Structures are given as C-alpha cells and as structure tokens.
Amino acid sequence: MIKTLVAIEVDLASSLAIRYACQLGSLIELELYPVYVKEPPPEVPAIGTGWVRHTWEREILEMGKEEIQEMLAGEKESCPQLQAPRVLYGDRQYELLKIMEHEPFDLYVEGAPYPFTPANIQRRLNARFYQRVGTPLIWLRILRRINQVLVPCFDPAGARSAIQSLQKIWAGCSTPLHFCLAPGAGDAVQQEVLQGQETLQAAGCQTLLRDDCPMADAGPAPEAIKDYGLVVVALELAVKKDSPRLQWLAQVKAPLMLVLY
C-alpha cells in the first residue's frame, strides 16, 4: 500500500490534487491522507497568549475542519482510498515536514506552484520542506486521464532515481511506462534504462523504450507529452533557476511527478 500525503487548501489546485490522487488510487494501491494547515493571519501578534490565544486557535481549527469537510464531501463516495482529513494550525511547511519526517509516507501530492514559472519553481524546490521531503512529489496544474506515463531520461543518476521510485510506486500497475532518452544521452543512460525496464517488468509493470520521442537537452517536445496523464522527471535538488530543465518544466501542463535526487 502506497501511503500518500495530499496537502490541500481551499482552492481549485487542491481540488484537482484530490481528484487526481483518487484517480491514481484506481490504478495503484494507495491510501490517501489529506492534510490542511491553517496558517496564522498577519494579525496574530495582537491576539496575545494563554487562554484567549488557545481559544482563538481552536476556533480557527474548527473553521478549517468545516471548510475541508465541505470541499471533500463530493469525493468521499467515489474515492474509498480517501481517509479523514487532518487539520492543523501553524506554519504550512513546518507542519507538513514534521508529518513527513515522523510518518512513513511514500508519495506527496499537491497543487502546482502559481505562477508556474522557472523562478517560482526553483524557489519552491529550494525551500526546506522540498529539500528534505524524501519522497516523489506530484504537482497538478490540470487533470488528465492516466492512460500512459512518460519518463524522460537525461543522465544515469536521474534515470536510476526515477526507476527506483517507480519500482515501488508503480509495481503491479498495467498502465504503461514509456521511456525516452535525451539526444546524445550516451550508452550509460541507455544501459540504465534497459536494466531498469527489466526490474520494472519483474515488478509487474509494462514498459516501452520509445525511439520516436522528440527530445531536446531540456526535455520532450510538447507533442510528445500531450497524450500522457503523468510525466515523471528526475531533478537535481540543487537545480539552478536558469537551468534549461526548469525552462522546459514551466511549459509542461501535464501532471508532473518530480523525483528529487
């Protein structure tokens, strides 16, 4: 069972994240744990401490529970994998990281950063939570049916990281994984992918190495992505904001699974 944390807020991106996670749960064995963190508003310092402060925080949490129950009400009947939502008060990244560090989650899902620009992507990934999350993460900009998955491979370390993550998450799933290699990737990358295909097939996955996938150094061309419901990209933790890879990622509208290494 893949234990999945879905970080939500009361917005459209979070609604997409929940729906997509539920769709994913129809393909692989997931348990979905939604978490909503109510952050302190700017006026918090004026509220004081002690009984008044604790009473106010309880009221904020109750309000948060009502907001999330209403948001999730339409998903519960059609998504048996969805667990009861957890509502917390505090700094969002701190509370989420505390959960991820103390509980055995395998996957993290949330709405994509907005605006989805190279600078904002790099800023998000450079934050402490993402540097330490330790699991693949899925970002949602739009919903798509997951009928096939694209895995572009650029270097041996990235290919290995992506394959190791998919071996755990995608095991036994009949939805095919399509690999494509960057031009001039070299024998080492191809060998890593071929060995990875054998490993994934032994885990019950269907794989294909595409020889018709138009790729540049940054990533696949838009026409190579349009029919995929998930694009799996291995990305260095220390990626720079002027990286061609980030310029490419900002153009990808398909759901993204990032494997940080």
Protein backbone atom coordinates (compact mmCIF):
# COMPACT_ATOMS: atom_id res chain seq x y z
CA MET A 1 0.00 0.00 0.00
CA ILE A 2 1.42 3.38 -1.04
CA LYS A 3 0.79 5.82 1.78
CA THR A 4 0.18 9.22 0.18
CA LEU A 5 0.03 12.66 1.80
CA VAL A 6 -2.15 15.14 -0.09
CA ALA A 7 -1.56 18.72 1.04
CA ILE A 8 -4.70 20.76 0.43
CA GLU A 9 -6.07 24.25 0.77
CA VAL A 10 -9.47 25.64 -0.10
CA ASP A 11 -8.71 26.33 -3.75
CA LEU A 12 -9.04 24.87 -7.23
CA ALA A 13 -5.49 23.48 -7.33
CA SER A 14 -6.16 21.41 -4.21
CA SER A 15 -9.45 20.16 -5.62
CA LEU A 16 -7.55 18.97 -8.70
CA ALA A 17 -4.93 17.33 -6.48
CA ILE A 18 -7.56 15.33 -4.57
CA ARG A 19 -9.35 14.23 -7.74
CA TYR A 20 -6.11 13.22 -9.41
CA ALA A 21 -4.94 11.30 -6.34
CA CYS A 22 -8.27 9.45 -6.31
CA GLN A 23 -7.85 8.59 -10.00
CA LEU A 24 -4.32 7.36 -9.24
CA GLY A 25 -5.79 5.24 -6.46
CA SER A 26 -7.87 3.36 -9.02
CA LEU A 27 -4.65 2.25 -10.75
CA ILE A 28 -2.32 1.50 -7.86
CA GLU A 29 -2.88 0.65 -4.20
CA LEU A 30 -2.96 3.99 -2.41
CA GLU A 31 -4.08 5.28 0.94
CA LEU A 32 -4.77 9.00 0.69
CA TYR A 33 -4.29 11.22 3.74
CA PRO A 34 -5.42 14.81 3.15
CA VAL A 35 -3.84 17.47 5.38
CA TYR A 36 -4.95 21.09 5.64
CA VAL A 37 -2.72 23.54 7.51
CA LYS A 38 -4.36 26.78 8.65
CA GLU A 39 -1.61 29.38 8.79
CA PRO A 40 -1.72 32.30 11.26
CA PRO A 41 -3.03 35.50 9.67
CA PRO A 42 -0.97 38.72 9.95
CA GLU A 43 -2.93 39.96 12.99
CA VAL A 44 -1.88 37.02 15.22
CA PRO A 45 0.66 39.01 17.32
CA ALA A 46 -2.14 41.26 18.59
CA ILE A 47 -4.12 38.32 19.98
CA GLY A 48 -1.85 37.63 22.94
CA THR A 49 -1.13 34.37 24.73
CA GLY A 50 -2.74 31.98 27.17
CA TRP A 51 -6.41 31.06 27.28
CA VAL A 52 -7.51 33.69 24.74
CA ARG A 53 -4.90 32.56 22.23
CA HIS A 54 -5.74 28.85 22.64
CA THR A 55 -9.46 29.54 22.33
CA TRP A 56 -8.88 31.50 19.15
CA GLU A 57 -6.72 28.72 17.66
CA ARG A 58 -9.40 26.12 18.43
CA GLU A 59 -11.96 28.26 16.64
CA ILE A 60 -9.65 28.57 13.62
CA LEU A 61 -9.19 24.78 13.52
CA GLU A 62 -12.94 24.18 13.74
CA MET A 63 -13.44 26.61 10.87
CA GLY A 64 -10.78 24.75 8.89
CA LYS A 65 -12.49 21.40 9.51
CA GLU A 66 -15.79 22.77 8.19
CA GLU A 67 -14.07 24.19 5.08
CA ILE A 68 -12.34 20.92 4.25
CA GLN A 69 -15.31 18.66 5.03
CA GLU A 70 -17.34 20.70 2.56
CA MET A 71 -14.58 20.55 -0.04
CA LEU A 72 -14.14 16.77 0.26
CA ALA A 73 -17.80 15.87 0.57
CA GLY A 74 -18.18 15.21 -3.16
CA GLU A 75 -15.12 12.94 -3.33
CA LYS A 76 -15.74 10.56 -0.43
CA GLU A 77 -18.32 8.29 -2.04
CA SER A 78 -16.30 7.72 -5.21
CA CYS A 79 -12.88 7.52 -3.53
CA PRO A 80 -12.68 4.80 -0.86
CA GLN A 81 -8.92 5.38 -0.53
CA LEU A 82 -9.57 8.85 0.96
CA GLN A 83 -9.01 8.96 4.71
CA ALA A 84 -10.45 11.51 7.15
CA PRO A 85 -8.77 14.91 6.70
CA ARG A 86 -6.30 16.20 9.25
CA VAL A 87 -6.50 19.93 10.05
CA LEU A 88 -3.52 21.61 11.72
CA TYR A 89 -2.64 25.14 12.80
CA GLY A 90 0.77 26.69 12.18
CA ASP A 91 3.39 27.22 9.51
CA ARG A 92 2.43 25.08 6.49
CA GLN A 93 5.88 23.85 5.51
CA TYR A 94 6.94 23.19 9.09
CA GLU A 95 3.81 21.16 9.90
CA LEU A 96 3.96 19.16 6.66
CA LEU A 97 7.64 18.39 7.09
CA LYS A 98 7.04 17.25 10.67
CA ILE A 99 4.44 14.78 9.39
CA MET A 100 6.65 13.51 6.56
CA GLU A 101 9.62 13.04 8.88
CA HIS A 102 7.69 11.16 11.56
CA GLU A 103 5.31 9.04 9.48
CA PRO A 104 6.17 6.56 6.69
CA PHE A 105 4.74 8.27 3.60
CA ASP A 106 5.71 7.09 0.10
CA LEU A 107 4.30 9.89 -2.04
CA TYR A 108 3.37 13.57 -1.72
CA VAL A 109 0.69 15.32 -3.84
CA GLU A 110 -0.30 18.99 -4.06
CA GLY A 111 -1.38 21.68 -6.48
CA ALA A 112 1.45 23.10 -8.57
CA PRO A 113 3.07 26.40 -7.58
CA TYR A 114 1.45 29.50 -9.05
CA PRO A 115 2.61 31.18 -11.17
CA PHE A 116 4.31 28.15 -12.73
CA THR A 117 7.46 29.97 -13.81
CA PRO A 118 11.09 28.78 -13.66
CA ALA A 119 11.91 31.24 -10.87
CA ASN A 120 8.89 30.22 -8.79
CA ILE A 121 9.52 26.50 -9.35
CA GLN A 122 13.13 26.92 -8.21
CA ARG A 123 12.05 29.00 -5.20
CA ARG A 124 9.57 26.30 -4.15
CA LEU A 125 12.05 23.45 -4.60
CA ASN A 126 14.75 25.35 -2.70
CA ALA A 127 12.54 25.59 0.41
CA ARG A 128 13.45 23.40 3.38
CA PHE A 129 10.39 21.16 3.03
CA TYR A 130 11.15 20.13 -0.56
CA GLN A 131 14.86 19.72 0.13
CA ARG A 132 14.03 17.22 2.87
CA VAL A 133 10.74 15.64 1.73
CA GLY A 134 12.45 12.40 0.70
CA THR A 135 9.62 11.03 -1.47
CA PRO A 136 8.49 11.65 -5.06
CA LEU A 137 6.04 14.55 -5.31
CA ILE A 138 3.23 15.14 -7.78
CA TRP A 139 2.25 18.66 -8.89
CA LEU A 140 -1.12 19.30 -10.51
CA ARG A 141 -1.93 22.07 -12.97
CA ILE A 142 -4.65 20.24 -14.91
CA LEU A 143 -6.47 16.93 -14.72
CA ARG A 144 -5.75 14.22 -17.26
CA ARG A 145 -6.73 10.60 -17.55
CA ILE A 146 -3.74 8.43 -16.64
CA ASN A 147 -3.67 6.04 -19.61
CA GLN A 148 0.12 6.10 -20.04
CA VAL A 149 3.14 7.62 -18.29
CA LEU A 150 6.15 9.32 -19.87
CA VAL A 151 9.60 9.04 -18.25
CA PRO A 152 12.20 11.24 -19.99
CA CYS A 153 15.79 10.28 -19.07
CA PHE A 154 18.75 12.64 -19.29
CA ASP A 155 21.58 11.13 -17.23
CA PRO A 156 22.34 7.85 -15.43
CA ALA A 157 21.75 9.14 -11.88
CA GLY A 158 18.40 10.68 -12.77
CA ALA A 159 17.25 7.60 -14.69
CA ARG A 160 18.23 5.39 -11.76
CA SER A 161 16.35 7.58 -9.26
CA ALA A 162 13.19 7.65 -11.38
CA ILE A 163 13.25 3.88 -11.91
CA GLN A 164 13.79 3.17 -8.20
CA SER A 165 10.81 5.33 -7.30
CA LEU A 166 8.58 3.78 -9.96
CA GLN A 167 9.59 0.29 -8.87
CA LYS A 168 7.93 0.96 -5.52
CA ILE A 169 5.00 3.14 -6.55
CA TRP A 170 4.04 1.57 -9.90
CA ALA A 171 4.59 -2.13 -9.07
CA GLY A 172 1.81 -4.32 -10.49
CA CYS A 173 0.17 -1.48 -12.44
CA SER A 174 -0.89 -2.23 -16.02
CA THR A 175 -0.73 1.43 -17.13
CA PRO A 176 2.38 1.51 -19.37
CA LEU A 177 5.56 3.43 -18.62
CA HIS A 178 7.14 4.95 -21.74
CA PHE A 179 10.83 5.88 -21.50
CA CYS A 180 12.51 8.30 -23.85
CA LEU A 181 16.17 9.30 -23.99
CA ALA A 182 17.65 12.75 -24.48
CA PRO A 183 19.69 13.07 -27.69
CA GLY A 184 23.32 12.18 -27.10
CA ALA A 185 22.44 10.76 -23.68
CA GLY A 186 25.08 8.09 -24.19
CA ASP A 187 25.41 4.40 -23.54
CA ALA A 188 25.38 4.77 -19.76
CA VAL A 189 21.87 6.24 -19.74
CA GLN A 190 20.56 3.72 -22.21
CA GLN A 191 22.04 0.85 -20.21
CA GLU A 192 20.48 2.23 -17.02
CA VAL A 193 17.06 2.40 -18.71
CA LEU A 194 17.32 -1.09 -20.22
CA GLN A 195 18.25 -2.58 -16.85
CA GLY A 196 15.50 -0.53 -15.23
CA GLN A 197 12.94 -1.88 -17.68
CA GLU A 198 13.86 -5.42 -16.68
CA THR A 199 13.49 -4.52 -13.00
CA LEU A 200 10.13 -2.84 -13.56
CA GLN A 201 8.82 -5.69 -15.70
CA ALA A 202 9.77 -8.12 -12.95
CA ALA A 203 7.68 -5.93 -10.62
CA GLY A 204 4.64 -6.35 -12.88
CA CYS A 205 4.96 -3.11 -14.87
CA GLN A 206 4.55 -2.62 -18.61
CA THR A 207 7.40 -0.63 -20.16
CA LEU A 208 8.41 0.68 -23.56
CA LEU A 209 11.53 2.50 -24.76
CA ARG A 210 10.31 4.99 -27.35
CA ASP A 211 12.54 5.60 -30.34
CA ASP A 212 10.25 8.28 -31.79
CA CYS A 213 10.16 10.69 -28.83
CA PRO A 214 11.32 14.16 -29.98
CA MET A 215 13.69 15.38 -27.25
CA ALA A 216 16.00 18.31 -26.70
CA ASP A 217 18.51 18.59 -23.87
CA ALA A 218 15.85 20.23 -21.71
CA GLY A 219 13.07 17.70 -22.29
CA PRO A 220 10.47 16.24 -24.66
CA ALA A 221 8.74 18.43 -27.22
CA PRO A 222 5.11 19.42 -26.44
CA GLU A 223 3.67 16.99 -28.98
CA ALA A 224 5.41 14.13 -27.18
CA ILE A 225 3.64 14.96 -23.91
CA LYS A 226 0.07 15.79 -24.92
CA ASP A 227 -1.24 12.21 -24.67
CA TYR A 228 0.27 11.42 -21.27
CA GLY A 229 -1.53 11.59 -17.94
CA LEU A 230 1.70 11.76 -15.95
CA VAL A 231 5.27 12.86 -16.73
CA VAL A 232 7.97 11.56 -14.36
CA VAL A 233 11.04 13.79 -14.16
CA ALA A 234 14.16 13.24 -12.04
CA LEU A 235 15.54 16.61 -10.97
CA GLU A 236 18.65 17.58 -9.01
CA LEU A 237 17.96 19.05 -5.58
CA ALA A 238 20.40 21.87 -6.33
CA VAL A 239 18.83 22.82 -9.67
CA LYS A 240 19.60 26.43 -10.67
CA LYS A 241 16.88 28.92 -11.59
CA ASP A 242 18.46 29.48 -15.03
CA SER A 243 18.52 25.73 -15.76
CA PRO A 244 17.13 24.80 -19.21
CA ARG A 245 15.32 21.96 -17.44
CA LEU A 246 13.29 24.47 -15.38
CA GLN A 247 12.53 26.50 -18.50
CA TRP A 248 11.12 23.30 -20.00
CA LEU A 249 9.24 22.24 -16.84
CA ALA A 250 7.42 25.57 -16.77
CA GLN A 251 5.90 24.71 -20.16
CA VAL A 252 4.67 21.25 -19.10
CA LYS A 253 0.94 21.30 -18.34
CA ALA A 254 0.60 17.57 -17.79
CA PRO A 255 0.62 16.30 -14.19
CA LEU A 256 4.24 16.07 -13.03
CA MET A 257 5.91 13.58 -10.72
CA LEU A 258 9.23 15.02 -9.58
CA VAL A 259 11.88 12.68 -8.20
CA LEU A 260 14.43 14.87 -6.42
CA TYR A 261 17.95 13.48 -6.08
